[in-house]
PDB file of all heavy atoms in Angstrom:
ATOM      1  N   ASN A   1     149.428-134.348  92.669  1.00  0.00           N
ATOM      2  CA  ASN A   1     149.076-134.308  94.088  1.00  0.00           C
ATOM      3  C   ASN A   1     148.161-135.462  94.487  1.00  0.00           C
ATOM      4  O   ASN A   1     148.277-135.993  95.601  1.00  0.00           O
ATOM      5  CB  ASN A   1     148.455-132.956  94.440  1.00  0.00           C
ATOM      6  CG  ASN A   1     149.488-131.856  94.433  1.00  0.00           C
ATOM      7  OD1 ASN A   1     150.677-132.086  94.624  1.00  0.00           O
ATOM      8  ND2 ASN A   1     149.039-130.643  94.184  1.00  0.00           N
ATOM      9  N   LEU A   2     147.267-135.856  93.597  1.00  0.00           N
ATOM     10  CA  LEU A   2     146.425-137.017  93.880  1.00  0.00           C
ATOM     11  C   LEU A   2     147.273-138.285  93.993  1.00  0.00           C
ATOM     12  O   LEU A   2     147.065-139.108  94.881  1.00  0.00           O
ATOM     13  CB  LEU A   2     145.352-137.189  92.806  1.00  0.00           C
ATOM     14  CG  LEU A   2     144.203-136.195  92.831  1.00  0.00           C
ATOM     15  CD1 LEU A   2     143.347-136.333  91.566  1.00  0.00           C
ATOM     16  CD2 LEU A   2     143.342-136.382  94.075  1.00  0.00           C
ATOM     17  N   TRP A   3     148.231-138.424  93.078  1.00  0.00           N
ATOM     18  CA  TRP A   3     149.109-139.595  93.106  1.00  0.00           C
ATOM     19  C   TRP A   3     149.931-139.634  94.392  1.00  0.00           C
ATOM     20  O   TRP A   3     150.064-140.680  95.028  1.00  0.00           O
ATOM     21  CB  TRP A   3     150.011-139.623  91.884  1.00  0.00           C
ATOM     22  CG  TRP A   3     150.967-140.781  91.888  1.00  0.00           C
ATOM     23  CD1 TRP A   3     152.310-140.744  92.080  1.00  0.00           C
ATOM     24  CD2 TRP A   3     150.634-142.165  91.704  1.00  0.00           C
ATOM     25  NE1 TRP A   3     152.845-142.010  92.034  1.00  0.00           N
ATOM     26  CE2 TRP A   3     151.835-142.909  91.805  1.00  0.00           C
ATOM     27  CE3 TRP A   3     149.447-142.848  91.479  1.00  0.00           C
ATOM     28  CZ2 TRP A   3     151.874-144.287  91.677  1.00  0.00           C
ATOM     29  CZ3 TRP A   3     149.485-144.228  91.354  1.00  0.00           C
ATOM     30  CH2 TRP A   3     150.694-144.922  91.451  1.00  0.00           C
ATOM     31  N   LYS A   4     150.457-138.458  94.784  1.00  0.00           N
ATOM     32  CA  LYS A   4     151.255-138.385  96.015  1.00  0.00           C
ATOM     33  C   LYS A   4     150.433-138.775  97.242  1.00  0.00           C
ATOM     34  O   LYS A   4     150.966-139.367  98.181  1.00  0.00           O
ATOM     35  CB  LYS A   4     151.808-136.970  96.220  1.00  0.00           C
ATOM     36  CG  LYS A   4     152.933-136.607  95.282  1.00  0.00           C
ATOM     37  CD  LYS A   4     153.383-135.168  95.549  1.00  0.00           C
ATOM     38  CE  LYS A   4     154.480-134.731  94.617  1.00  0.00           C
ATOM     39  NZ  LYS A   4     154.852-133.309  94.836  1.00  0.00           N
ATOM     40  N   GLY A   5     149.153-138.441  97.235  1.00  0.00           N
ATOM     41  CA  GLY A   5     148.318-138.734  98.396  1.00  0.00           C
ATOM     42  C   GLY A   5     147.506-140.007  98.283  1.00  0.00           C
ATOM     43  O   GLY A   5     146.788-140.374  99.216  1.00  0.00           O
ATOM     44  N   PHE A   6     147.619-140.695  97.161  1.00  0.00           N
ATOM     45  CA  PHE A   6     146.796-141.879  96.913  1.00  0.00           C
ATOM     46  C   PHE A   6     147.010-142.966  97.956  1.00  0.00           C
ATOM     47  O   PHE A   6     146.056-143.560  98.449  1.00  0.00           O
ATOM     48  CB  PHE A   6     147.065-142.409  95.502  1.00  0.00           C
ATOM     49  CG  PHE A   6     146.086-143.447  95.038  1.00  0.00           C
ATOM     50  CD1 PHE A   6     144.756-143.119  94.862  1.00  0.00           C
ATOM     51  CD2 PHE A   6     146.494-144.733  94.758  1.00  0.00           C
ATOM     52  CE1 PHE A   6     143.842-144.063  94.420  1.00  0.00           C
ATOM     53  CE2 PHE A   6     145.596-145.689  94.319  1.00  0.00           C
ATOM     54  CZ  PHE A   6     144.272-145.358  94.152  1.00  0.00           C
ATOM     55  N   ASP A   7     148.255-143.230  98.299  1.00  0.00           N
ATOM     56  CA  ASP A   7     148.562-144.260  99.309  1.00  0.00           C
ATOM     57  C   ASP A   7     148.009-143.912 100.680  1.00  0.00           C
ATOM     58  O   ASP A   7     147.600-144.792 101.436  1.00  0.00           O
ATOM     59  CB  ASP A   7     150.081-144.441  99.442  1.00  0.00           C
ATOM     60  CG  ASP A   7     150.632-145.409  98.425  1.00  0.00           C
ATOM     61  OD1 ASP A   7     149.838-146.145  97.801  1.00  0.00           O
ATOM     62  OD2 ASP A   7     151.868-145.432  98.258  1.00  0.00           O
ATOM     63  N   SER A   8     148.023-142.620 101.002  1.00  0.00           N
ATOM     64  CA  SER A   8     147.633-142.218 102.347  1.00  0.00           C
ATOM     65  C   SER A   8     146.137-141.935 102.484  1.00  0.00           C
ATOM     66  O   SER A   8     145.664-141.665 103.591  1.00  0.00           O
ATOM     67  CB  SER A   8     148.438-140.994 102.792  1.00  0.00           C
ATOM     68  OG  SER A   8     148.210-139.921 101.908  1.00  0.00           O
ATOM     69  N   PHE A   9     145.377-141.993 101.375  1.00  0.00           N
ATOM     70  CA  PHE A   9     143.928-141.780 101.460  1.00  0.00           C
ATOM     71  C   PHE A   9     143.318-142.917 102.259  1.00  0.00           C
ATOM     72  O   PHE A   9     143.428-144.082 101.889  1.00  0.00           O
ATOM     73  CB  PHE A   9     143.296-141.687 100.072  1.00  0.00           C
ATOM     74  CG  PHE A   9     141.795-141.533 100.102  1.00  0.00           C
ATOM     75  CD1 PHE A   9     141.224-140.389 100.627  1.00  0.00           C
ATOM     76  CD2 PHE A   9     140.983-142.532  99.614  1.00  0.00           C
ATOM     77  CE1 PHE A   9     139.848-140.240 100.662  1.00  0.00           C
ATOM     78  CE2 PHE A   9     139.614-142.397  99.642  1.00  0.00           C
ATOM     79  CZ  PHE A   9     139.036-141.248 100.167  1.00  0.00           C
ATOM     80  N   GLU A  10     142.697-142.557 103.367  1.00  0.00           N
ATOM     81  CA  GLU A  10     142.185-143.573 104.300  1.00  0.00           C
ATOM     82  C   GLU A  10     140.700-143.856 104.140  1.00  0.00           C
ATOM     83  O   GLU A  10     140.159-144.706 104.835  1.00  0.00           O
ATOM     84  CB  GLU A  10     142.468-143.122 105.732  1.00  0.00           C
ATOM     85  CG  GLU A  10     143.953-142.977 106.021  1.00  0.00           C
ATOM     86  CD  GLU A  10     144.224-142.354 107.386  1.00  0.00           C
ATOM     87  OE1 GLU A  10     143.266-141.910 108.057  1.00  0.00           O
ATOM     88  OE2 GLU A  10     145.396-142.316 107.772  1.00  0.00           O
ATOM     89  N   GLY A  11     140.030-143.126 103.279  1.00  0.00           N
ATOM     90  CA  GLY A  11     138.613-143.360 103.066  1.00  0.00           C
ATOM     91  C   GLY A  11     137.727-142.770 104.152  1.00  0.00           C
ATOM     92  O   GLY A  11     136.579-143.185 104.304  1.00  0.00           O
ATOM     93  N   LYS A  12     138.256-141.812 104.920  1.00  0.00           N
ATOM     94  CA  LYS A  12     137.438-141.168 105.954  1.00  0.00           C
ATOM     95  C   LYS A  12     136.377-140.264 105.334  1.00  0.00           C
ATOM     96  O   LYS A  12     135.397-139.934 105.976  1.00  0.00           O
ATOM     97  CB  LYS A  12     138.330-140.364 106.911  1.00  0.00           C
ATOM     98  CG  LYS A  12     139.215-141.241 107.761  1.00  0.00           C
ATOM     99  CD  LYS A  12     140.052-140.419 108.716  1.00  0.00           C
ATOM    100  CE  LYS A  12     140.948-141.343 109.531  1.00  0.00           C
ATOM    101  NZ  LYS A  12     141.843-140.599 110.409  1.00  0.00           N
ATOM    102  N   SER A  13     136.607-139.859 104.108  1.00  0.00           N
ATOM    103  CA  SER A  13     135.606-139.119 103.345  1.00  0.00           C
ATOM    104  C   SER A  13     135.388-139.871 102.033  1.00  0.00           C
ATOM    105  O   SER A  13     136.134-140.786 101.707  1.00  0.00           O
ATOM    106  CB  SER A  13     136.078-137.686 103.066  1.00  0.00           C
ATOM    107  OG  SER A  13     137.232-137.702 102.245  1.00  0.00           O
ATOM    108  N   LYS A  14     134.380-139.444 101.286  1.00  0.00           N
ATOM    109  CA  LYS A  14     134.142-140.078  99.992  1.00  0.00           C
ATOM    110  C   LYS A  14     135.286-139.713  99.046  1.00  0.00           C
ATOM    111  O   LYS A  14     135.904-138.658  99.187  1.00  0.00           O
ATOM    112  CB  LYS A  14     132.816-139.609  99.402  1.00  0.00           C
ATOM    113  CG  LYS A  14     131.606-140.013 100.215  1.00  0.00           C
ATOM    114  CD  LYS A  14     130.301-139.715  99.510  1.00  0.00           C
ATOM    115  CE  LYS A  14     130.058-138.239  99.404  1.00  0.00           C
ATOM    116  NZ  LYS A  14     128.767-137.881  98.812  1.00  0.00           N
ATOM    117  N   VAL A  15     135.546-140.575  98.087  1.00  0.00           N
ATOM    118  CA  VAL A  15     136.622-140.336  97.124  1.00  0.00           C
ATOM    119  C   VAL A  15     136.397-139.032  96.377  1.00  0.00           C
ATOM    120  O   VAL A  15     137.333-138.245  96.198  1.00  0.00           O
ATOM    121  CB  VAL A  15     136.745-141.517  96.121  1.00  0.00           C
ATOM    122  CG1 VAL A  15     137.714-141.193  95.009  1.00  0.00           C
ATOM    123  CG2 VAL A  15     137.166-142.782  96.826  1.00  0.00           C
ATOM    124  N   ASP A  16     135.152-138.777  95.967  1.00  0.00           N
ATOM    125  CA  ASP A  16     134.911-137.544  95.209  1.00  0.00           C
ATOM    126  C   ASP A  16     135.136-136.298  96.069  1.00  0.00           C
ATOM    127  O   ASP A  16     135.633-135.287  95.576  1.00  0.00           O
ATOM    128  CB  ASP A  16     133.540-137.532  94.544  1.00  0.00           C
ATOM    129  CG  ASP A  16     132.385-137.734  95.493  1.00  0.00           C
ATOM    130  OD1 ASP A  16     132.587-138.295  96.579  1.00  0.00           O
ATOM    131  OD2 ASP A  16     131.257-137.341  95.139  1.00  0.00           O
ATOM    132  N   THR A  17     134.826-136.366  97.358  1.00  0.00           N
ATOM    133  CA  THR A  17     135.112-135.239  98.254  1.00  0.00           C
ATOM    134  C   THR A  17     136.615-135.016  98.357  1.00  0.00           C
ATOM    135  O   THR A  17     137.096-133.880  98.303  1.00  0.00           O
ATOM    136  CB  THR A  17     134.512-135.492  99.650  1.00  0.00           C
ATOM    137  OG1 THR A  17     133.097-135.671  99.525  1.00  0.00           O
ATOM    138  CG2 THR A  17     134.797-134.342 100.600  1.00  0.00           C
ATOM    139  N   TRP A  18     137.364-136.094  98.482  1.00  0.00           N
ATOM    140  CA  TRP A  18     138.832-136.008  98.554  1.00  0.00           C
ATOM    141  C   TRP A  18     139.391-135.400  97.267  1.00  0.00           C
ATOM    142  O   TRP A  18     140.254-134.521  97.306  1.00  0.00           O
ATOM    143  CB  TRP A  18     139.415-137.395  98.817  1.00  0.00           C
ATOM    144  CG  TRP A  18     140.904-137.433  98.847  1.00  0.00           C
ATOM    145  CD1 TRP A  18     141.744-136.880  99.772  1.00  0.00           C
ATOM    146  CD2 TRP A  18     141.757-138.075  97.888  1.00  0.00           C
ATOM    147  NE1 TRP A  18     143.061-137.138  99.457  1.00  0.00           N
ATOM    148  CE2 TRP A  18     143.089-137.876  98.299  1.00  0.00           C
ATOM    149  CE3 TRP A  18     141.518-138.803  96.726  1.00  0.00           C
ATOM    150  CZ2 TRP A  18     144.172-138.375  97.595  1.00  0.00           C
ATOM    151  CZ3 TRP A  18     142.603-139.308  96.037  1.00  0.00           C
ATOM    152  CH2 TRP A  18     143.916-139.085  96.472  1.00  0.00           C
ATOM    153  N   ILE A  19     138.883-135.835  96.126  1.00  0.00           N
ATOM    154  CA  ILE A  19     139.354-135.319  94.835  1.00  0.00           C
ATOM    155  C   ILE A  19     139.028-133.836  94.705  1.00  0.00           C
ATOM    156  O   ILE A  19     139.870-133.051  94.266  1.00  0.00           O
ATOM    157  CB  ILE A  19     138.766-136.134  93.668  1.00  0.00           C
ATOM    158  CG1 ILE A  19     139.408-137.536  93.660  1.00  0.00           C
ATOM    159  CG2 ILE A  19     138.970-135.428  92.334  1.00  0.00           C
ATOM    160  CD1 ILE A  19     138.795-138.505  92.688  1.00  0.00           C
ATOM    161  N   TRP A  20     137.812-133.426  95.100  1.00  0.00           N
ATOM    162  CA  TRP A  20     137.452-132.007  95.077  1.00  0.00           C
ATOM    163  C   TRP A  20     138.435-131.214  95.929  1.00  0.00           C
ATOM    164  O   TRP A  20     138.916-130.159  95.523  1.00  0.00           O
ATOM    165  CB  TRP A  20     136.038-131.782  95.623  1.00  0.00           C
ATOM    166  CG  TRP A  20     134.955-131.897  94.593  1.00  0.00           C
ATOM    167  CD1 TRP A  20     134.126-132.951  94.407  1.00  0.00           C
ATOM    168  CD2 TRP A  20     134.581-130.916  93.628  1.00  0.00           C
ATOM    169  NE1 TRP A  20     133.261-132.692  93.378  1.00  0.00           N
ATOM    170  CE2 TRP A  20     133.509-131.452  92.887  1.00  0.00           C
ATOM    171  CE3 TRP A  20     135.042-129.641  93.321  1.00  0.00           C
ATOM    172  CZ2 TRP A  20     132.893-130.747  91.860  1.00  0.00           C
ATOM    173  CZ3 TRP A  20     134.423-128.949  92.296  1.00  0.00           C
ATOM    174  CH2 TRP A  20     133.364-129.504  91.573  1.00  0.00           C
ATOM    175  N   ARG A  21     138.715-131.713  97.120  1.00  0.00           N
ATOM    176  CA  ARG A  21     139.576-130.973  98.054  1.00  0.00           C
ATOM    177  C   ARG A  21     141.003-130.852  97.525  1.00  0.00           C
ATOM    178  O   ARG A  21     141.605-129.781  97.569  1.00  0.00           O
ATOM    179  CB  ARG A  21     139.560-131.637  99.427  1.00  0.00           C
ATOM    180  CG  ARG A  21     140.285-130.815 100.447  1.00  0.00           C
ATOM    181  CD  ARG A  21     139.995-131.273 101.857  1.00  0.00           C
ATOM    182  NE  ARG A  21     140.565-130.315 102.760  1.00  0.00           N
ATOM    183  CZ  ARG A  21     139.875-129.504 103.529  1.00  0.00           C
ATOM    184  NH1 ARG A  21     138.579-129.564 103.516  1.00  0.00           N
ATOM    185  NH2 ARG A  21     140.474-128.658 104.316  1.00  0.00           N
ATOM    186  N   VAL A  22     141.553-131.950  97.020  1.00  0.00           N
ATOM    187  CA  VAL A  22     142.905-131.909  96.457  1.00  0.00           C
ATOM    188  C   VAL A  22     142.944-130.978  95.244  1.00  0.00           C
ATOM    189  O   VAL A  22     143.864-130.161  95.111  1.00  0.00           O
ATOM    190  CB  VAL A  22     143.406-133.329  96.081  1.00  0.00           C
ATOM    191  CG1 VAL A  22     144.708-133.272  95.296  1.00  0.00           C
ATOM    192  CG2 VAL A  22     143.581-134.187  97.336  1.00  0.00           C
ATOM    193  N   SER A  23     141.946-131.070  94.382  1.00  0.00           N
ATOM    194  CA  SER A  23     141.889-130.213  93.192  1.00  0.00           C
ATOM    195  C   SER A  23     141.795-128.746  93.594  1.00  0.00           C
ATOM    196  O   SER A  23     142.537-127.902  93.079  1.00  0.00           O
ATOM    197  CB  SER A  23     140.681-130.577  92.320  1.00  0.00           C
ATOM    198  OG  SER A  23     140.746-131.913  91.900  1.00  0.00           O
ATOM    199  N   PHE A  24     140.911-128.468  94.515  1.00  0.00           N
ATOM    200  CA  PHE A  24     140.721-127.106  95.007  1.00  0.00           C
ATOM    201  C   PHE A  24     142.011-126.564  95.620  1.00  0.00           C
ATOM    202  O   PHE A  24     142.469-125.473  95.273  1.00  0.00           O
ATOM    203  CB  PHE A  24     139.576-127.113  96.028  1.00  0.00           C
ATOM    204  CG  PHE A  24     139.465-125.863  96.834  1.00  0.00           C
ATOM    205  CD1 PHE A  24     139.005-124.693  96.268  1.00  0.00           C
ATOM    206  CD2 PHE A  24     139.808-125.856  98.176  1.00  0.00           C
ATOM    207  CE1 PHE A  24     138.897-123.529  97.019  1.00  0.00           C
ATOM    208  CE2 PHE A  24     139.703-124.710  98.929  1.00  0.00           C
ATOM    209  CZ  PHE A  24     139.247-123.546  98.355  1.00  0.00           C
ATOM    210  N   ASN A  25     142.616-127.320  96.517  1.00  0.00           N
ATOM    211  CA  ASN A  25     143.840-126.859  97.184  1.00  0.00           C
ATOM    212  C   ASN A  25     144.991-126.675  96.203  1.00  0.00           C
ATOM    213  O   ASN A  25     145.772-125.732  96.318  1.00  0.00           O
ATOM    214  CB  ASN A  25     144.239-127.815  98.313  1.00  0.00           C
ATOM    215  CG  ASN A  25     143.310-127.709  99.503  1.00  0.00           C
ATOM    216  OD1 ASN A  25     142.659-126.687  99.709  1.00  0.00           O
ATOM    217  ND2 ASN A  25     143.224-128.775 100.275  1.00  0.00           N
ATOM    218  N   THR A  26     145.099-127.560  95.238  1.00  0.00           N
ATOM    219  CA  THR A  26     146.145-127.445  94.227  1.00  0.00           C
ATOM    220  C   THR A  26     145.960-126.166  93.413  1.00  0.00           C
ATOM    221  O   THR A  26     146.912-125.411  93.197  1.00  0.00           O
ATOM    222  CB  THR A  26     146.140-128.666  93.284  1.00  0.00           C
ATOM    223  OG1 THR A  26     146.350-129.852  94.060  1.00  0.00           O
ATOM    224  CG2 THR A  26     147.214-128.561  92.219  1.00  0.00           C
ATOM    225  N   CYS A  27     144.740-125.916  92.978  1.00  0.00           N
ATOM    226  CA  CYS A  27     144.465-124.724  92.167  1.00  0.00           C
ATOM    227  C   CYS A  27     144.662-123.445  92.976  1.00  0.00           C
ATOM    228  O   CYS A  27     145.201-122.464  92.454  1.00  0.00           O
ATOM    229  CB  CYS A  27     143.056-124.792  91.591  1.00  0.00           C
ATOM    230  SG  CYS A  27     142.881-126.071  90.311  1.00  0.00           S
ATOM    231  N   ILE A  28     144.259-123.465  94.238  1.00  0.00           N
ATOM    232  CA  ILE A  28     144.480-122.293  95.107  1.00  0.00           C
ATOM    233  C   ILE A  28     145.981-122.038  95.244  1.00  0.00           C
ATOM    234  O   ILE A  28     146.444-120.893  95.144  1.00  0.00           O
ATOM    235  CB  ILE A  28     143.857-122.514  96.502  1.00  0.00           C
ATOM    236  CG1 ILE A  28     142.341-122.442  96.433  1.00  0.00           C
ATOM    237  CG2 ILE A  28     144.393-121.518  97.517  1.00  0.00           C
ATOM    238  CD1 ILE A  28     141.766-121.059  96.352  1.00  0.00           C
ATOM    239  N   SER A  29     146.756-123.088  95.464  1.00  0.00           N
ATOM    240  CA  SER A  29     148.216-122.940  95.605  1.00  0.00           C
ATOM    241  C   SER A  29     148.832-122.381  94.331  1.00  0.00           C
ATOM    242  O   SER A  29     149.690-121.496  94.385  1.00  0.00           O
ATOM    243  CB  SER A  29     148.869-124.286  95.925  1.00  0.00           C
ATOM    244  OG  SER A  29     148.461-124.736  97.183  1.00  0.00           O
ATOM    245  N   GLN A  30     148.404-122.879  93.186  1.00  0.00           N
ATOM    246  CA  GLN A  30     148.926-122.388  91.913  1.00  0.00           C
ATOM    247  C   GLN A  30     148.521-120.937  91.683  1.00  0.00           C
ATOM    248  O   GLN A  30     149.295-120.148  91.145  1.00  0.00           O
ATOM    249  CB  GLN A  30     148.446-123.269  90.758  1.00  0.00           C
ATOM    250  CG  GLN A  30     149.013-124.670  90.771  1.00  0.00           C
ATOM    251  CD  GLN A  30     150.526-124.695  90.693  1.00  0.00           C
ATOM    252  OE1 GLN A  30     151.139-123.973  89.921  1.00  0.00           O
ATOM    253  NE2 GLN A  30     151.143-125.535  91.513  1.00  0.00           N
ATOM    254  N   GLU A  31     147.311-120.575  92.119  1.00  0.00           N
ATOM    255  CA  GLU A  31     146.838-119.196  91.987  1.00  0.00           C
ATOM    256  C   GLU A  31     147.722-118.259  92.808  1.00  0.00           C
ATOM    257  O   GLU A  31     148.081-117.181  92.360  1.00  0.00           O
ATOM    258  CB  GLU A  31     145.377-119.105  92.466  1.00  0.00           C
ATOM    259  CG  GLU A  31     144.753-117.753  92.299  1.00  0.00           C
ATOM    260  CD  GLU A  31     144.235-117.483  90.900  1.00  0.00           C
ATOM    261  OE1 GLU A  31     144.149-118.419  90.085  1.00  0.00           O
ATOM    262  OE2 GLU A  31     143.931-116.327  90.626  1.00  0.00           O
TER     263      GLU A  31
END
């Protein structure tokens, strides 16, 4: 999911915030 969104990451938030959000959303979806 990070790779899929890597091109579209615009830097409106910090990279670590974006990674937390993608990780969180991915894990919630898998749950």
